[in-house]
Each structure stands twice: as structure tokens, then as C-alpha cells.
Amino acid sequence: MILVNTDYITGKELEMLGLVKGSTIQSKNVGKDITQGFKTLVGGELRAYTEMMNDARSLATQRMIAEAEALGADAIVNVRYSSASVMQGAAEVMAYGTAVKFV
């Protein structure tokens, strides 16, 4: 599956199949929340949260790809990501784009 953040793929004629998306809501356990809270006192990267968001983006992307494959897509164009805090320590990540088939 080809994923691009442009509305075209060079050298390919595209037939649009429709919007596809994938999302997940992730959180860390209370222990990680506490240790990451202490980290904010001294500064630096909050690695547990970086890992959580990377995992969430990956899962959301895989769900978006699965939806596109179910439509028979060859690629997804205009891929975008968004995130939102759902509650303290939990975030939603959404991946979305337009599923296309090569003509």
C-alpha cells in the first residue's frame, strides 16, 4: 500500500474510492504517569509518552490501511494525522486520507 501526503502519485492516474480512517485512544499506566510527571520538573523528553504516541500513530495507520484494502485500494493519498487529548494521560490519534485505485 502506497501512502503519500500529496493529492497525486507521479505517473499514476487515480480513481478516488473515498475517505478512509483509523483511530485509537492510548494511555499509559498510573506508574508511568507518575514517573513522567516527575520528569516535567527537570525537563527533557517524556520517552514513555513519545513511545505511546508512536505506537498510537502506527496502530491508527494500520487501521486506515485495512479500511483502504477492504475497498480494493492501491494507495492512500492526502494522508493526515490528528491527535487530541481525551483525558489526562490519554490521547486519541487519527489517521485519515483518500483511498485510490490505479487506473
PDB file of N, CA and C in Angstrom:
ATOM      1  N   MET A   1       0.860  -1.177   0.000  1.00  0.00           N
ATOM      2  CA  MET A   1       0.000   0.000   0.000  1.00  0.00           C
ATOM      3  C   MET A   1       0.903   1.236   0.000  1.00  0.00           C
ATOM      4  N   ILE A   2       0.653   2.116  -0.947  1.00  0.00           N
ATOM      5  CA  ILE A   2       1.408   3.367  -1.029  1.00  0.00           C
ATOM      6  C   ILE A   2       0.664   4.426  -0.216  1.00  0.00           C
ATOM      7  N   LEU A   3       1.388   5.133   0.633  1.00  0.00           N
ATOM      8  CA  LEU A   3       0.827   6.240   1.421  1.00  0.00           C
ATOM      9  C   LEU A   3       1.588   7.503   1.076  1.00  0.00           C
ATOM     10  N   VAL A   4       0.866   8.552   0.697  1.00  0.00           N
ATOM     11  CA  VAL A   4       1.508   9.843   0.413  1.00  0.00           C
ATOM     12  C   VAL A   4       0.676  10.967   1.026  1.00  0.00           C
ATOM     13  N   ASN A   5       1.342  12.084   1.299  1.00  0.00           N
ATOM     14  CA  ASN A   5       0.610  13.228   1.840  1.00  0.00           C
ATOM     15  C   ASN A   5       0.327  14.278   0.762  1.00  0.00           C
ATOM     16  N   THR A   6       0.430  13.867  -0.502  1.00  0.00           N
ATOM     17  CA  THR A   6       0.069  14.735  -1.625  1.00  0.00           C
ATOM     18  C   THR A   6      -1.239  14.218  -2.222  1.00  0.00           C
ATOM     19  N   ASP A   7      -1.831  14.998  -3.110  1.00  0.00           N
ATOM     20  CA  ASP A   7      -3.096  14.565  -3.707  1.00  0.00           C
ATOM     21  C   ASP A   7      -2.887  13.843  -5.035  1.00  0.00           C
ATOM     22  N   TYR A   8      -1.655  13.443  -5.332  1.00  0.00           N
ATOM     23  CA  TYR A   8      -1.341  12.728  -6.569  1.00  0.00           C
ATOM     24  C   TYR A   8      -0.162  11.795  -6.315  1.00  0.00           C
ATOM     25  N   ILE A   9       0.023  10.853  -7.229  1.00  0.00           N
ATOM     26  CA  ILE A   9       1.207   9.999  -7.250  1.00  0.00           C
ATOM     27  C   ILE A   9       1.778  10.126  -8.653  1.00  0.00           C
ATOM     28  N   THR A  10       2.983  10.611  -8.750  1.00  0.00           N
ATOM     29  CA  THR A  10       3.602  10.881 -10.039  1.00  0.00           C
ATOM     30  C   THR A  10       3.526   9.657 -10.948  1.00  0.00           C
ATOM     31  N   GLY A  11       3.024   9.893 -12.171  1.00  0.00           N
ATOM     32  CA  GLY A  11       2.959   8.842 -13.168  1.00  0.00           C
ATOM     33  C   GLY A  11       1.761   7.915 -13.052  1.00  0.00           C
ATOM     34  N   LYS A  12       0.862   8.186 -12.114  1.00  0.00           N
ATOM     35  CA  LYS A  12      -0.300   7.321 -11.917  1.00  0.00           C
ATOM     36  C   LYS A  12      -1.579   8.117 -12.121  1.00  0.00           C
ATOM     37  N   GLU A  13      -2.531   7.501 -12.814  1.00  0.00           N
ATOM     38  CA  GLU A  13      -3.869   8.076 -12.912  1.00  0.00           C
ATOM     39  C   GLU A  13      -4.689   7.415 -11.812  1.00  0.00           C
ATOM     40  N   LEU A  14      -5.407   8.229 -11.037  1.00  0.00           N
ATOM     41  CA  LEU A  14      -6.076   7.726  -9.848  1.00  0.00           C
ATOM     42  C   LEU A  14      -7.591   7.799  -9.957  1.00  0.00           C
ATOM     43  N   GLU A  15      -8.234   6.763  -9.457  1.00  0.00           N
ATOM     44  CA  GLU A  15      -9.686   6.757  -9.279  1.00  0.00           C
ATOM     45  C   GLU A  15      -9.940   6.817  -7.776  1.00  0.00           C
ATOM     46  N   MET A  16     -10.647   7.845  -7.330  1.00  0.00           N
ATOM     47  CA  MET A  16     -10.908   8.004  -5.900  1.00  0.00           C
ATOM     48  C   MET A  16     -11.987   7.034  -5.441  1.00  0.00           C
ATOM     49  N   LEU A  17     -11.709   6.362  -4.332  1.00  0.00           N
ATOM     50  CA  LEU A  17     -12.662   5.407  -3.772  1.00  0.00           C
ATOM     51  C   LEU A  17     -13.390   5.973  -2.551  1.00  0.00           C
ATOM     52  N   GLY A  18     -12.764   6.897  -1.856  1.00  0.00           N
ATOM     53  CA  GLY A  18     -13.413   7.513  -0.706  1.00  0.00           C
ATOM     54  C   GLY A  18     -12.488   7.689   0.484  1.00  0.00           C
ATOM     55  N   LEU A  19     -13.018   8.333   1.491  1.00  0.00           N
ATOM     56  CA  LEU A  19     -12.288   8.616   2.722  1.00  0.00           C
ATOM     57  C   LEU A  19     -12.074   7.328   3.509  1.00  0.00           C
ATOM     58  N   VAL A  20     -10.865   7.160   4.022  1.00  0.00           N
ATOM     59  CA  VAL A  20     -10.565   6.057   4.926  1.00  0.00           C
ATOM     60  C   VAL A  20      -9.908   6.641   6.167  1.00  0.00           C
ATOM     61  N   LYS A  21     -10.119   5.980   7.289  1.00  0.00           N
ATOM     62  CA  LYS A  21      -9.547   6.490   8.525  1.00  0.00           C
ATOM     63  C   LYS A  21      -9.281   5.343   9.476  1.00  0.00           C
ATOM     64  N   GLY A  22      -8.445   5.629  10.441  1.00  0.00           N
ATOM     65  CA  GLY A  22      -8.158   4.700  11.523  1.00  0.00           C
ATOM     66  C   GLY A  22      -7.879   5.520  12.760  1.00  0.00           C
ATOM     67  N   SER A  23      -8.282   5.019  13.903  1.00  0.00           N
ATOM     68  CA  SER A  23      -8.027   5.777  15.128  1.00  0.00           C
ATOM     69  C   SER A  23      -7.802   4.832  16.295  1.00  0.00           C
ATOM     70  N   THR A  24      -7.239   5.382  17.339  1.00  0.00           N
ATOM     71  CA  THR A  24      -7.042   4.661  18.588  1.00  0.00           C
ATOM     72  C   THR A  24      -6.942   5.672  19.716  1.00  0.00           C
ATOM     73  N   ILE A  25      -7.281   5.232  20.903  1.00  0.00           N
ATOM     74  CA  ILE A  25      -7.080   6.043  22.109  1.00  0.00           C
ATOM     75  C   ILE A  25      -6.131   5.258  22.999  1.00  0.00           C
ATOM     76  N   GLN A  26      -5.038   5.889  23.368  1.00  0.00           N
ATOM     77  CA  GLN A  26      -3.986   5.231  24.146  1.00  0.00           C
ATOM     78  C   GLN A  26      -3.764   5.966  25.459  1.00  0.00           C
ATOM     79  N   SER A  27      -3.336   5.207  26.466  1.00  0.00           N
ATOM     80  CA  SER A  27      -2.937   5.811  27.733  1.00  0.00           C
ATOM     81  C   SER A  27      -1.801   4.996  28.322  1.00  0.00           C
ATOM     82  N   LYS A  28      -1.104   5.587  29.242  1.00  0.00           N
ATOM     83  CA  LYS A  28      -0.062   4.893  29.991  1.00  0.00           C
ATOM     84  C   LYS A  28      -0.624   4.553  31.360  1.00  0.00           C
ATOM     85  N   ASN A  29       0.007   3.589  32.015  1.00  0.00           N
ATOM     86  CA  ASN A  29      -0.476   3.218  33.342  1.00  0.00           C
ATOM     87  C   ASN A  29      -0.124   4.289  34.368  1.00  0.00           C
ATOM     88  N   VAL A  30      -0.734   4.197  35.519  1.00  0.00           N
ATOM     89  CA  VAL A  30      -0.556   5.209  36.573  1.00  0.00           C
ATOM     90  C   VAL A  30       0.910   5.357  36.951  1.00  0.00           C
ATOM     91  N   GLY A  31       1.644   4.260  37.017  1.00  0.00           N
ATOM     92  CA  GLY A  31       3.071   4.322  37.356  1.00  0.00           C
ATOM     93  C   GLY A  31       3.846   5.163  36.365  1.00  0.00           C
ATOM     94  N   LYS A  32       3.570   4.972  35.084  1.00  0.00           N
ATOM     95  CA  LYS A  32       4.247   5.773  34.054  1.00  0.00           C
ATOM     96  C   LYS A  32       3.826   7.235  34.142  1.00  0.00           C
ATOM     97  N   ASP A  33       2.547   7.492  34.433  1.00  0.00           N
ATOM     98  CA  ASP A  33       2.088   8.871  34.589  1.00  0.00           C
ATOM     99  C   ASP A  33       2.858   9.569  35.708  1.00  0.00           C
ATOM    100  N   ILE A  34       3.056   8.869  36.811  1.00  0.00           N
ATOM    101  CA  ILE A  34       3.760   9.461  37.959  1.00  0.00           C
ATOM    102  C   ILE A  34       5.221   9.732  37.608  1.00  0.00           C
ATOM    103  N   THR A  35       5.907   8.743  37.014  1.00  0.00           N
ATOM    104  CA  THR A  35       7.321   8.952  36.686  1.00  0.00           C
ATOM    105  C   THR A  35       7.493  10.040  35.631  1.00  0.00           C
ATOM    106  N   GLN A  36       6.587  10.101  34.664  1.00  0.00           N
ATOM    107  CA  GLN A  36       6.679  11.146  33.645  1.00  0.00           C
ATOM    108  C   GLN A  36       6.352  12.512  34.244  1.00  0.00           C
ATOM    109  N   GLY A  37       5.476  12.534  35.245  1.00  0.00           N
ATOM    110  CA  GLY A  37       5.171  13.777  35.953  1.00  0.00           C
ATOM    111  C   GLY A  37       6.402  14.335  36.641  1.00  0.00           C
ATOM    112  N   PHE A  38       7.199  13.464  37.260  1.00  0.00           N
ATOM    113  CA  PHE A  38       8.445  13.901  37.897  1.00  0.00           C
ATOM    114  C   PHE A  38       9.424  14.434  36.853  1.00  0.00           C
ATOM    115  N   LYS A  39       9.420  13.831  35.679  1.00  0.00           N
ATOM    116  CA  LYS A  39      10.328  14.255  34.617  1.00  0.00           C
ATOM    117  C   LYS A  39      10.054  15.701  34.206  1.00  0.00           C
ATOM    118  N   THR A  40       8.811  16.147  34.325  1.00  0.00           N
ATOM    119  CA  THR A  40       8.487  17.522  33.948  1.00  0.00           C
ATOM    120  C   THR A  40       9.156  18.535  34.871  1.00  0.00           C
ATOM    121  N   LEU A  41       9.565  18.103  36.054  1.00  0.00           N
ATOM    122  CA  LEU A  41      10.244  19.006  36.989  1.00  0.00           C
ATOM    123  C   LEU A  41      11.642  19.360  36.518  1.00  0.00           C
ATOM    124  N   VAL A  42      12.317  18.433  35.843  1.00  0.00           N
ATOM    125  CA  VAL A  42      13.696  18.675  35.416  1.00  0.00           C
ATOM    126  C   VAL A  42      13.805  18.927  33.911  1.00  0.00           C
ATOM    127  N   GLY A  43      12.755  18.627  33.170  1.00  0.00           N
ATOM    128  CA  GLY A  43      12.763  18.861  31.726  1.00  0.00           C
ATOM    129  C   GLY A  43      13.308  17.672  30.959  1.00  0.00           C
ATOM    130  N   GLY A  44      13.179  17.742  29.680  1.00  0.00           N
ATOM    131  CA  GLY A  44      13.655  16.669  28.815  1.00  0.00           C
ATOM    132  C   GLY A  44      12.510  15.925  28.164  1.00  0.00           C
ATOM    133  N   GLU A  45      12.867  14.970  27.334  1.00  0.00           N
ATOM    134  CA  GLU A  45      11.870  14.206  26.602  1.00  0.00           C
ATOM    135  C   GLU A  45      11.125  13.250  27.527  1.00  0.00           C
ATOM    136  N   LEU A  46       9.823  13.182  27.348  1.00  0.00           N
ATOM    137  CA  LEU A  46       8.990  12.234  28.082  1.00  0.00           C
ATOM    138  C   LEU A  46       8.901  10.973  27.221  1.00  0.00           C
ATOM    139  N   ARG A  47       9.897  10.106  27.346  1.00  0.00           N
ATOM    140  CA  ARG A  47      10.040   8.968  26.436  1.00  0.00           C
ATOM    141  C   ARG A  47       8.844   8.030  26.462  1.00  0.00           C
ATOM    142  N   ALA A  48       8.250   7.813  27.631  1.00  0.00           N
ATOM    143  CA  ALA A  48       7.097   6.911  27.710  1.00  0.00           C
ATOM    144  C   ALA A  48       5.939   7.447  26.875  1.00  0.00           C
ATOM    145  N   TYR A  49       5.758   8.764  26.872  1.00  0.00           N
ATOM    146  CA  TYR A  49       4.680   9.355  26.078  1.00  0.00           C
ATOM    147  C   TYR A  49       5.044   9.403  24.597  1.00  0.00           C
ATOM    148  N   THR A  50       6.308   9.617  24.279  1.00  0.00           N
ATOM    149  CA  THR A  50       6.747   9.566  22.887  1.00  0.00           C
ATOM    150  C   THR A  50       6.477   8.179  22.321  1.00  0.00           C
ATOM    151  N   GLU A  51       6.834   7.155  23.087  1.00  0.00           N
ATOM    152  CA  GLU A  51       6.583   5.772  22.669  1.00  0.00           C
ATOM    153  C   GLU A  51       5.090   5.512  22.514  1.00  0.00           C
ATOM    154  N   MET A  52       4.296   6.007  23.451  1.00  0.00           N
ATOM    155  CA  MET A  52       2.852   5.819  23.386  1.00  0.00           C
ATOM    156  C   MET A  52       2.278   6.442  22.113  1.00  0.00           C
ATOM    157  N   MET A  53       2.706   7.656  21.782  1.00  0.00           N
ATOM    158  CA  MET A  53       2.182   8.330  20.601  1.00  0.00           C
ATOM    159  C   MET A  53       2.669   7.658  19.317  1.00  0.00           C
ATOM    160  N   ASN A  54       3.906   7.181  19.292  1.00  0.00           N
ATOM    161  CA  ASN A  54       4.401   6.446  18.123  1.00  0.00           C
ATOM    162  C   ASN A  54       3.590   5.171  17.909  1.00  0.00           C
ATOM    163  N   ASP A  55       3.321   4.452  18.994  1.00  0.00           N
ATOM    164  CA  ASP A  55       2.504   3.243  18.901  1.00  0.00           C
ATOM    165  C   ASP A  55       1.093   3.571  18.426  1.00  0.00           C
ATOM    166  N   ALA A  56       0.536   4.666  18.927  1.00  0.00           N
ATOM    167  CA  ALA A  56      -0.818   5.061  18.542  1.00  0.00           C
ATOM    168  C   ALA A  56      -0.879   5.430  17.065  1.00  0.00           C
ATOM    169  N   ARG A  57       0.111   6.189  16.574  1.00  0.00           N
ATOM    170  CA  ARG A  57       0.147   6.542  15.144  1.00  0.00           C
ATOM    171  C   ARG A  57       0.262   5.291  14.276  1.00  0.00           C
ATOM    172  N   SER A  58       1.086   4.362  14.699  1.00  0.00           N
ATOM    173  CA  SER A  58       1.261   3.130  13.942  1.00  0.00           C
ATOM    174  C   SER A  58      -0.039   2.325  13.877  1.00  0.00           C
ATOM    175  N   LEU A  59      -0.716   2.192  15.004  1.00  0.00           N
ATOM    176  CA  LEU A  59      -1.972   1.448  15.043  1.00  0.00           C
ATOM    177  C   LEU A  59      -3.050   2.141  14.215  1.00  0.00           C
ATOM    178  N   ALA A  60      -3.155   3.458  14.338  1.00  0.00           N
ATOM    179  CA  ALA A  60      -4.141   4.210  13.551  1.00  0.00           C
ATOM    180  C   ALA A  60      -3.853   4.057  12.058  1.00  0.00           C
ATOM    181  N   THR A  61      -2.578   4.079  11.680  1.00  0.00           N
ATOM    182  CA  THR A  61      -2.202   3.912  10.273  1.00  0.00           C
ATOM    183  C   THR A  61      -2.597   2.530   9.778  1.00  0.00           C
ATOM    184  N   GLN A  62      -2.318   1.502  10.561  1.00  0.00           N
ATOM    185  CA  GLN A  62      -2.671   0.137  10.158  1.00  0.00           C
ATOM    186  C   GLN A  62      -4.178  -0.022  10.003  1.00  0.00           C
ATOM    187  N   ARG A  63      -4.956   0.603  10.871  1.00  0.00           N
ATOM    188  CA  ARG A  63      -6.418   0.535  10.754  1.00  0.00           C
ATOM    189  C   ARG A  63      -6.904   1.266   9.508  1.00  0.00           C
ATOM    190  N   MET A  64      -6.272   2.387   9.178  1.00  0.00           N
ATOM    191  CA  MET A  64      -6.626   3.122   7.964  1.00  0.00           C
ATOM    192  C   MET A  64      -6.305   2.272   6.731  1.00  0.00           C
ATOM    193  N   ILE A  65      -5.150   1.637   6.721  1.00  0.00           N
ATOM    194  CA  ILE A  65      -4.752   0.786   5.603  1.00  0.00           C
ATOM    195  C   ILE A  65      -5.728  -0.376   5.444  1.00  0.00           C
ATOM    196  N   ALA A  66      -6.130  -0.990   6.541  1.00  0.00           N
ATOM    197  CA  ALA A  66      -7.079  -2.105   6.480  1.00  0.00           C
ATOM    198  C   ALA A  66      -8.397  -1.667   5.852  1.00  0.00           C
ATOM    199  N   GLU A  67      -8.853  -0.463   6.203  1.00  0.00           N
ATOM    200  CA  GLU A  67     -10.094   0.060   5.621  1.00  0.00           C
ATOM    201  C   GLU A  67      -9.928   0.283   4.117  1.00  0.00           C
ATOM    202  N   ALA A  68      -8.764   0.796   3.707  1.00  0.00           N
ATOM    203  CA  ALA A  68      -8.495   1.030   2.285  1.00  0.00           C
ATOM    204  C   ALA A  68      -8.405  -0.298   1.525  1.00  0.00           C
ATOM    205  N   GLU A  69      -7.755  -1.281   2.117  1.00  0.00           N
ATOM    206  CA  GLU A  69      -7.644  -2.594   1.469  1.00  0.00           C
ATOM    207  C   GLU A  69      -9.016  -3.229   1.270  1.00  0.00           C
ATOM    208  N   ALA A  70      -9.920  -3.019   2.225  1.00  0.00           N
ATOM    209  CA  ALA A  70     -11.281  -3.556   2.104  1.00  0.00           C
ATOM    210  C   ALA A  70     -12.025  -2.940   0.916  1.00  0.00           C
ATOM    211  N   LEU A  71     -11.622  -1.732   0.521  1.00  0.00           N
ATOM    212  CA  LEU A  71     -12.222  -1.070  -0.643  1.00  0.00           C
ATOM    213  C   LEU A  71     -11.518  -1.451  -1.948  1.00  0.00           C
ATOM    214  N   GLY A  72     -10.430  -2.201  -1.848  1.00  0.00           N
ATOM    215  CA  GLY A  72      -9.666  -2.564  -3.036  1.00  0.00           C
ATOM    216  C   GLY A  72      -8.686  -1.496  -3.474  1.00  0.00           C
ATOM    217  N   ALA A  73      -8.276  -0.639  -2.569  1.00  0.00           N
ATOM    218  CA  ALA A  73      -7.383   0.473  -2.907  1.00  0.00           C
ATOM    219  C   ALA A  73      -5.959   0.008  -3.173  1.00  0.00           C
ATOM    220  N   ASP A  74      -5.275   0.765  -4.007  1.00  0.00           N
ATOM    221  CA  ASP A  74      -3.855   0.555  -4.266  1.00  0.00           C
ATOM    222  C   ASP A  74      -2.994   1.512  -3.452  1.00  0.00           C
ATOM    223  N   ALA A  75      -3.593   2.626  -3.044  1.00  0.00           N
ATOM    224  CA  ALA A  75      -2.837   3.655  -2.337  1.00  0.00           C
ATOM    225  C   ALA A  75      -3.790   4.532  -1.526  1.00  0.00           C
ATOM    226  N   ILE A  76      -3.194   5.340  -0.657  1.00  0.00           N
ATOM    227  CA  ILE A  76      -3.952   6.353   0.080  1.00  0.00           C
ATOM    228  C   ILE A  76      -3.215   7.674  -0.123  1.00  0.00           C
ATOM    229  N   VAL A  77      -3.934   8.670  -0.637  1.00  0.00           N
ATOM    230  CA  VAL A  77      -3.349   9.995  -0.860  1.00  0.00           C
ATOM    231  C   VAL A  77      -3.887  10.966   0.186  1.00  0.00           C
ATOM    232  N   ASN A  78      -3.210  12.097   0.295  1.00  0.00           N
ATOM    233  CA  ASN A  78      -3.580  13.137   1.269  1.00  0.00           C
ATOM    234  C   ASN A  78      -3.641  12.596   2.694  1.00  0.00           C
ATOM    235  N   VAL A  79      -2.685  11.757   3.061  1.00  0.00           N
ATOM    236  CA  VAL A  79      -2.666  11.186   4.410  1.00  0.00           C
ATOM    237  C   VAL A  79      -2.376  12.291   5.422  1.00  0.00           C
ATOM    238  N   ARG A  80      -3.187  12.316   6.459  1.00  0.00           N
ATOM    239  CA  ARG A  80      -3.046  13.299   7.538  1.00  0.00           C
ATOM    240  C   ARG A  80      -3.200  12.593   8.875  1.00  0.00           C
ATOM    241  N   TYR A  81      -2.649  13.218   9.905  1.00  0.00           N
ATOM    242  CA  TYR A  81      -2.777  12.724  11.272  1.00  0.00           C
ATOM    243  C   TYR A  81      -3.304  13.845  12.149  1.00  0.00           C
ATOM    244  N   SER A  82      -4.103  13.469  13.119  1.00  0.00           N
ATOM    245  CA  SER A  82      -4.533  14.444  14.121  1.00  0.00           C
ATOM    246  C   SER A  82      -4.503  13.754  15.473  1.00  0.00           C
ATOM    247  N   SER A  83      -4.363  14.549  16.500  1.00  0.00           N
ATOM    248  CA  SER A  83      -4.394  13.991  17.854  1.00  0.00           C
ATOM    249  C   SER A  83      -5.133  14.952  18.761  1.00  0.00           C
ATOM    250  N   ALA A  84      -5.705  14.377  19.794  1.00  0.00           N
ATOM    251  CA  ALA A  84      -6.451  15.181  20.760  1.00  0.00           C
ATOM    252  C   ALA A  84      -6.341  14.509  22.120  1.00  0.00           C
ATOM    253  N   SER A  85      -6.271  15.317  23.133  1.00  0.00           N
ATOM    254  CA  SER A  85      -6.277  14.799  24.492  1.00  0.00           C
ATOM    255  C   SER A  85      -7.707  14.429  24.851  1.00  0.00           C
ATOM    256  N   VAL A  86      -7.895  13.206  25.312  1.00  0.00           N
ATOM    257  CA  VAL A  86      -9.222  12.739  25.686  1.00  0.00           C
ATOM    258  C   VAL A  86      -9.432  12.954  27.184  1.00  0.00           C
ATOM    259  N   MET A  87      -8.383  12.708  27.940  1.00  0.00           N
ATOM    260  CA  MET A  87      -8.355  12.955  29.382  1.00  0.00           C
ATOM    261  C   MET A  87      -6.885  13.003  29.763  1.00  0.00           C
ATOM    262  N   GLN A  88      -6.580  13.375  30.983  1.00  0.00           N
ATOM    263  CA  GLN A  88      -5.182  13.465  31.375  1.00  0.00           C
ATOM    264  C   GLN A  88      -4.513  12.105  31.199  1.00  0.00           C
ATOM    265  N   GLY A  89      -3.414  12.097  30.452  1.00  0.00           N
ATOM    266  CA  GLY A  89      -2.667  10.865  30.247  1.00  0.00           C
ATOM    267  C   GLY A  89      -3.197   9.984  29.132  1.00  0.00           C
ATOM    268  N   ALA A  90      -4.249  10.408  28.422  1.00  0.00           N
ATOM    269  CA  ALA A  90      -4.800   9.611  27.322  1.00  0.00           C
ATOM    270  C   ALA A  90      -4.997  10.506  26.107  1.00  0.00           C
ATOM    271  N   ALA A  91      -4.659   9.959  24.948  1.00  0.00           N
ATOM    272  CA  ALA A  91      -4.775  10.739  23.724  1.00  0.00           C
ATOM    273  C   ALA A  91      -5.369   9.887  22.617  1.00  0.00           C
ATOM    274  N   GLU A  92      -6.156  10.544  21.768  1.00  0.00           N
ATOM    275  CA  GLU A  92      -6.669   9.893  20.558  1.00  0.00           C
ATOM    276  C   GLU A  92      -5.784  10.306  19.397  1.00  0.00           C
ATOM    277  N   VAL A  93      -5.446   9.363  18.569  1.00  0.00           N
ATOM    278  CA  VAL A  93      -4.723   9.642  17.332  1.00  0.00           C
ATOM    279  C   VAL A  93      -5.572   9.128  16.187  1.00  0.00           C
ATOM    280  N   MET A  94      -5.736   9.961  15.164  1.00  0.00           N
ATOM    281  CA  MET A  94      -6.497   9.574  13.992  1.00  0.00           C
ATOM    282  C   MET A  94      -5.620   9.750  12.759  1.00  0.00           C
ATOM    283  N   ALA A  95      -5.657   8.752  11.876  1.00  0.00           N
ATOM    284  CA  ALA A  95      -5.008   8.825  10.570  1.00  0.00           C
ATOM    285  C   ALA A  95      -6.128   8.793   9.540  1.00  0.00           C
ATOM    286  N   TYR A  96      -6.040   9.650   8.527  1.00  0.00           N
ATOM    287  CA  TYR A  96      -7.086   9.657   7.508  1.00  0.00           C
ATOM    288  C   TYR A  96      -6.519  10.104   6.174  1.00  0.00           C
ATOM    289  N   GLY A  97      -7.210   9.699   5.112  1.00  0.00           N
ATOM    290  CA  GLY A  97      -6.782  10.049   3.774  1.00  0.00           C
ATOM    291  C   GLY A  97      -7.814   9.583   2.766  1.00  0.00           C
ATOM    292  N   THR A  98      -7.477   9.682   1.494  1.00  0.00           N
ATOM    293  CA  THR A  98      -8.376   9.278   0.422  1.00  0.00           C
ATOM    294  C   THR A  98      -7.840   8.002  -0.215  1.00  0.00           C
ATOM    295  N   ALA A  99      -8.644   6.943  -0.185  1.00  0.00           N
ATOM    296  CA  ALA A  99      -8.278   5.689  -0.820  1.00  0.00           C
ATOM    297  C   ALA A  99      -8.426   5.844  -2.329  1.00  0.00           C
ATOM    298  N   VAL A 100      -7.437   5.358  -3.072  1.00  0.00           N
ATOM    299  CA  VAL A 100      -7.482   5.454  -4.529  1.00  0.00           C
ATOM    300  C   VAL A 100      -7.073   4.117  -5.159  1.00  0.00           C
ATOM    301  N   LYS A 101      -7.532   3.943  -6.382  1.00  0.00           N
ATOM    302  CA  LYS A 101      -7.173   2.779  -7.189  1.00  0.00           C
ATOM    303  C   LYS A 101      -6.471   3.305  -8.423  1.00  0.00           C
ATOM    304  N   PHE A 102      -5.439   2.585  -8.901  1.00  0.00           N
ATOM    305  CA  PHE A 102      -4.751   2.981 -10.115  1.00  0.00           C
ATOM    306  C   PHE A 102      -5.593   2.593 -11.317  1.00  0.00           C
ATOM    307  N   VAL A 103      -5.702   3.535 -12.264  1.00  0.00           N
ATOM    308  CA  VAL A 103      -6.495   3.290 -13.467  1.00  0.00           C
ATOM    309  C   VAL A 103      -5.611   2.667 -14.528  1.00  0.00           C
TER     310      VAL A 103
END
